[in-house]
């Protein structure tokens, strides 16, 4: 359900607030995007950053199908580990 005032997508409406992961500013918390998660409000005047890694069993190609899309890095080529 989309929250009107924040545009956040909310998928849990139970009473269990979960377990907080309290880390210093600049830290990275890693978890599956399928895990329910939340964060508190950003009380600073700085933007929050996100690093989103995605994996696909098939290449994710550009609009014309000639090269990897954006910053995609192949892990396998022809079933073999890609050389970096």
N, C-alpha and C. Protein backbone atom coordinates (compact mmCIF):
# COMPACT_ATOMS: atom_id res chain seq x y z
N UNK A 1 0.85 -1.17 0.00
CA UNK A 1 0.00 0.00 0.00
C UNK A 1 0.90 1.24 0.00
N UNK A 2 0.63 2.17 -0.88
CA UNK A 2 1.44 3.38 -0.96
C UNK A 2 0.96 4.40 0.08
N UNK A 3 1.91 4.89 0.87
CA UNK A 3 1.61 5.90 1.88
C UNK A 3 1.54 7.26 1.19
N UNK A 4 0.40 7.90 1.29
CA UNK A 4 0.15 9.11 0.52
C UNK A 4 1.12 10.24 0.81
N UNK A 5 1.42 10.50 2.08
CA UNK A 5 2.26 11.67 2.39
C UNK A 5 3.74 11.47 2.11
N UNK A 6 4.24 10.22 2.11
CA UNK A 6 5.67 9.98 1.88
C UNK A 6 5.95 9.26 0.57
N UNK A 7 4.94 8.68 -0.04
CA UNK A 7 5.07 7.87 -1.25
C UNK A 7 5.78 6.54 -0.99
N UNK A 8 5.99 6.18 0.29
CA UNK A 8 6.61 4.91 0.65
C UNK A 8 5.64 3.77 0.39
N UNK A 9 6.19 2.61 0.04
CA UNK A 9 5.36 1.41 -0.10
C UNK A 9 5.41 0.66 1.22
N UNK A 10 4.26 0.37 1.79
CA UNK A 10 4.16 -0.30 3.08
C UNK A 10 3.53 -1.67 2.85
N UNK A 11 4.21 -2.71 3.35
CA UNK A 11 3.73 -4.07 3.13
C UNK A 11 3.49 -4.83 4.42
N UNK A 12 3.64 -4.17 5.56
CA UNK A 12 3.44 -4.84 6.85
C UNK A 12 2.63 -3.94 7.75
N UNK A 13 1.66 -4.51 8.43
CA UNK A 13 0.78 -3.71 9.26
C UNK A 13 0.61 -4.32 10.65
N UNK A 14 1.55 -5.19 11.06
CA UNK A 14 1.47 -5.84 12.35
C UNK A 14 2.03 -4.98 13.47
N UNK A 15 2.08 -5.55 14.67
CA UNK A 15 2.54 -4.83 15.86
C UNK A 15 4.03 -4.98 16.12
N UNK A 16 4.68 -5.98 15.51
CA UNK A 16 6.11 -6.22 15.74
C UNK A 16 6.92 -5.20 14.94
N UNK A 17 7.61 -4.29 15.63
CA UNK A 17 8.37 -3.24 14.97
C UNK A 17 9.72 -3.72 14.46
N UNK A 18 10.09 -4.98 14.74
CA UNK A 18 11.35 -5.52 14.26
C UNK A 18 12.50 -5.21 15.19
N UNK A 19 13.69 -5.54 14.75
CA UNK A 19 14.91 -5.32 15.53
C UNK A 19 15.71 -4.19 14.90
N UNK A 20 15.99 -3.13 15.65
CA UNK A 20 16.73 -2.02 15.07
C UNK A 20 18.20 -2.38 14.81
N UNK A 21 18.72 -1.85 13.75
CA UNK A 21 20.14 -1.96 13.44
C UNK A 21 20.68 -0.53 13.55
N UNK A 22 21.25 -0.22 14.69
CA UNK A 22 21.73 1.13 14.95
C UNK A 22 23.21 1.21 14.56
N UNK A 23 23.52 2.01 13.57
CA UNK A 23 24.88 2.13 13.07
C UNK A 23 25.24 3.60 12.91
N UNK A 24 26.53 3.91 12.97
CA UNK A 24 26.94 5.31 12.78
C UNK A 24 26.67 5.80 11.36
N UNK A 25 26.57 7.08 11.21
CA UNK A 25 26.39 7.69 9.89
C UNK A 25 27.51 7.21 8.97
N UNK A 26 27.18 6.93 7.72
CA UNK A 26 28.16 6.46 6.76
C UNK A 26 28.26 4.95 6.69
N UNK A 27 27.58 4.24 7.60
CA UNK A 27 27.61 2.78 7.61
C UNK A 27 26.73 2.22 6.50
N UNK A 28 26.93 0.94 6.21
CA UNK A 28 26.12 0.26 5.21
C UNK A 28 25.41 -0.91 5.87
N UNK A 29 24.12 -1.03 5.67
CA UNK A 29 23.34 -2.18 6.14
C UNK A 29 22.97 -2.98 4.90
N UNK A 30 23.28 -4.28 4.90
CA UNK A 30 23.01 -5.14 3.74
C UNK A 30 21.93 -6.14 4.08
N UNK A 31 20.96 -6.28 3.20
CA UNK A 31 19.89 -7.24 3.39
C UNK A 31 19.19 -7.47 2.06
N UNK A 32 18.45 -8.54 1.98
CA UNK A 32 17.69 -8.83 0.78
C UNK A 32 16.56 -7.82 0.61
N UNK A 33 16.31 -7.44 -0.62
CA UNK A 33 15.21 -6.50 -0.87
C UNK A 33 13.85 -7.15 -0.62
N UNK A 34 13.83 -8.48 -0.45
CA UNK A 34 12.55 -9.14 -0.15
C UNK A 34 12.28 -9.18 1.35
N UNK A 35 13.24 -8.73 2.16
CA UNK A 35 13.03 -8.68 3.62
C UNK A 35 12.31 -7.38 3.97
N UNK A 36 11.26 -7.49 4.77
CA UNK A 36 10.61 -6.26 5.22
C UNK A 36 11.61 -5.44 6.01
N UNK A 37 11.69 -4.16 5.72
CA UNK A 37 12.62 -3.29 6.41
C UNK A 37 12.04 -1.88 6.46
N UNK A 38 12.64 -1.09 7.30
CA UNK A 38 12.19 0.30 7.40
C UNK A 38 13.34 1.13 7.92
N UNK A 39 13.16 2.42 7.90
CA UNK A 39 14.15 3.32 8.48
C UNK A 39 13.41 4.47 9.14
N UNK A 40 14.13 5.15 9.99
CA UNK A 40 13.55 6.33 10.64
C UNK A 40 13.72 7.54 9.74
N UNK A 41 13.18 8.64 10.18
CA UNK A 41 13.29 9.85 9.36
C UNK A 41 14.74 10.34 9.29
N UNK A 42 15.10 10.93 8.19
CA UNK A 42 16.41 11.56 8.05
C UNK A 42 16.32 12.92 8.72
N UNK A 43 17.00 13.09 9.83
CA UNK A 43 16.92 14.34 10.60
C UNK A 43 18.08 15.29 10.27
N UNK A 44 18.85 14.96 9.22
CA UNK A 44 19.95 15.84 8.82
C UNK A 44 19.54 16.63 7.59
N UNK A 45 20.42 17.54 7.19
CA UNK A 45 20.16 18.31 5.97
C UNK A 45 20.86 17.68 4.77
N UNK A 46 21.37 16.44 4.94
CA UNK A 46 22.08 15.74 3.87
C UNK A 46 21.21 14.61 3.32
N UNK A 47 21.42 14.30 2.02
CA UNK A 47 20.67 13.24 1.39
C UNK A 47 21.15 11.88 1.89
N UNK A 48 20.27 10.91 1.94
CA UNK A 48 20.66 9.52 2.19
C UNK A 48 21.09 8.92 0.86
N UNK A 49 22.03 7.99 0.94
CA UNK A 49 22.47 7.31 -0.27
C UNK A 49 22.08 5.86 -0.21
N UNK A 50 21.97 5.26 -1.39
CA UNK A 50 21.65 3.84 -1.47
C UNK A 50 22.55 3.21 -2.53
N UNK A 51 22.99 2.00 -2.26
CA UNK A 51 23.70 1.20 -3.26
C UNK A 51 22.85 -0.03 -3.47
N UNK A 52 22.36 -0.20 -4.67
CA UNK A 52 21.44 -1.28 -4.96
C UNK A 52 22.09 -2.24 -5.95
N UNK A 53 22.41 -3.43 -5.47
CA UNK A 53 22.97 -4.46 -6.35
C UNK A 53 21.84 -5.39 -6.77
N UNK A 54 21.75 -5.67 -8.05
CA UNK A 54 20.73 -6.57 -8.56
C UNK A 54 21.39 -7.66 -9.39
N UNK A 55 20.79 -8.83 -9.38
CA UNK A 55 21.32 -9.96 -10.13
C UNK A 55 20.23 -10.51 -11.04
N UNK A 56 20.65 -10.99 -12.19
CA UNK A 56 19.71 -11.54 -13.16
C UNK A 56 20.34 -12.77 -13.80
N UNK A 57 19.54 -13.80 -14.04
CA UNK A 57 20.06 -14.99 -14.70
C UNK A 57 20.30 -14.75 -16.19
N UNK A 58 19.72 -13.70 -16.74
CA UNK A 58 19.90 -13.33 -18.14
C UNK A 58 20.53 -11.95 -18.19
N UNK A 59 21.29 -11.64 -19.24
CA UNK A 59 21.87 -10.30 -19.36
C UNK A 59 20.78 -9.23 -19.39
N UNK A 60 21.03 -8.12 -18.73
CA UNK A 60 20.13 -6.97 -18.77
C UNK A 60 20.76 -5.99 -19.75
N UNK A 61 20.16 -5.90 -20.93
CA UNK A 61 20.76 -5.15 -22.02
C UNK A 61 20.13 -3.77 -22.19
N UNK A 62 20.86 -2.91 -22.90
CA UNK A 62 20.34 -1.58 -23.20
C UNK A 62 19.12 -1.67 -24.11
N UNK A 63 18.53 -0.54 -24.41
CA UNK A 63 17.27 -0.51 -25.16
C UNK A 63 17.37 -1.17 -26.54
N UNK A 64 18.55 -1.12 -27.16
CA UNK A 64 18.69 -1.71 -28.50
C UNK A 64 19.28 -3.12 -28.45
N UNK A 65 19.59 -3.61 -27.25
CA UNK A 65 20.04 -4.98 -27.07
C UNK A 65 21.46 -5.27 -27.50
N UNK A 66 22.30 -4.24 -27.52
CA UNK A 66 23.66 -4.42 -28.01
C UNK A 66 24.73 -4.44 -26.92
N UNK A 67 24.39 -4.03 -25.71
CA UNK A 67 25.40 -3.94 -24.64
C UNK A 67 24.69 -4.00 -23.29
N UNK A 68 25.45 -4.30 -22.23
CA UNK A 68 24.83 -4.29 -20.89
C UNK A 68 24.23 -2.92 -20.58
N UNK A 69 23.12 -2.92 -19.86
CA UNK A 69 22.43 -1.69 -19.49
C UNK A 69 23.20 -0.98 -18.37
N UNK A 70 23.37 0.29 -18.50
CA UNK A 70 23.98 1.17 -17.49
C UNK A 70 25.30 0.61 -16.98
N UNK A 71 25.39 0.32 -15.71
CA UNK A 71 26.64 -0.12 -15.10
C UNK A 71 26.69 -1.62 -14.90
N UNK A 72 25.93 -2.38 -15.67
CA UNK A 72 25.88 -3.83 -15.51
C UNK A 72 27.26 -4.44 -15.73
N UNK A 73 27.61 -5.39 -14.89
CA UNK A 73 28.88 -6.12 -15.00
C UNK A 73 28.55 -7.59 -15.11
N UNK A 74 28.93 -8.26 -16.21
CA UNK A 74 28.63 -9.68 -16.32
C UNK A 74 29.42 -10.51 -15.31
N UNK A 75 28.76 -11.49 -14.68
CA UNK A 75 29.43 -12.42 -13.78
C UNK A 75 29.83 -13.68 -14.53
N UNK A 76 29.00 -14.09 -15.48
CA UNK A 76 29.28 -15.27 -16.29
C UNK A 76 29.17 -14.91 -17.76
N UNK A 77 30.04 -15.48 -18.56
CA UNK A 77 29.97 -15.34 -20.02
C UNK A 77 30.06 -16.74 -20.58
N UNK A 78 29.03 -17.19 -21.27
CA UNK A 78 29.02 -18.55 -21.81
C UNK A 78 29.11 -19.60 -20.72
N UNK A 79 28.54 -19.30 -19.55
CA UNK A 79 28.57 -20.26 -18.44
C UNK A 79 29.86 -20.25 -17.63
N UNK A 80 30.83 -19.46 -18.06
CA UNK A 80 32.12 -19.37 -17.37
C UNK A 80 32.24 -18.02 -16.66
N UNK A 81 32.99 -18.01 -15.59
CA UNK A 81 33.20 -16.77 -14.83
C UNK A 81 33.83 -15.70 -15.73
N UNK A 82 33.25 -14.51 -15.74
CA UNK A 82 33.75 -13.42 -16.58
C UNK A 82 35.09 -12.92 -16.05
N UNK A 83 35.96 -12.55 -16.95
CA UNK A 83 37.26 -11.97 -16.57
C UNK A 83 37.07 -10.49 -16.35
N UNK A 84 37.69 -9.97 -15.30
CA UNK A 84 37.54 -8.54 -15.03
C UNK A 84 38.72 -7.75 -15.54
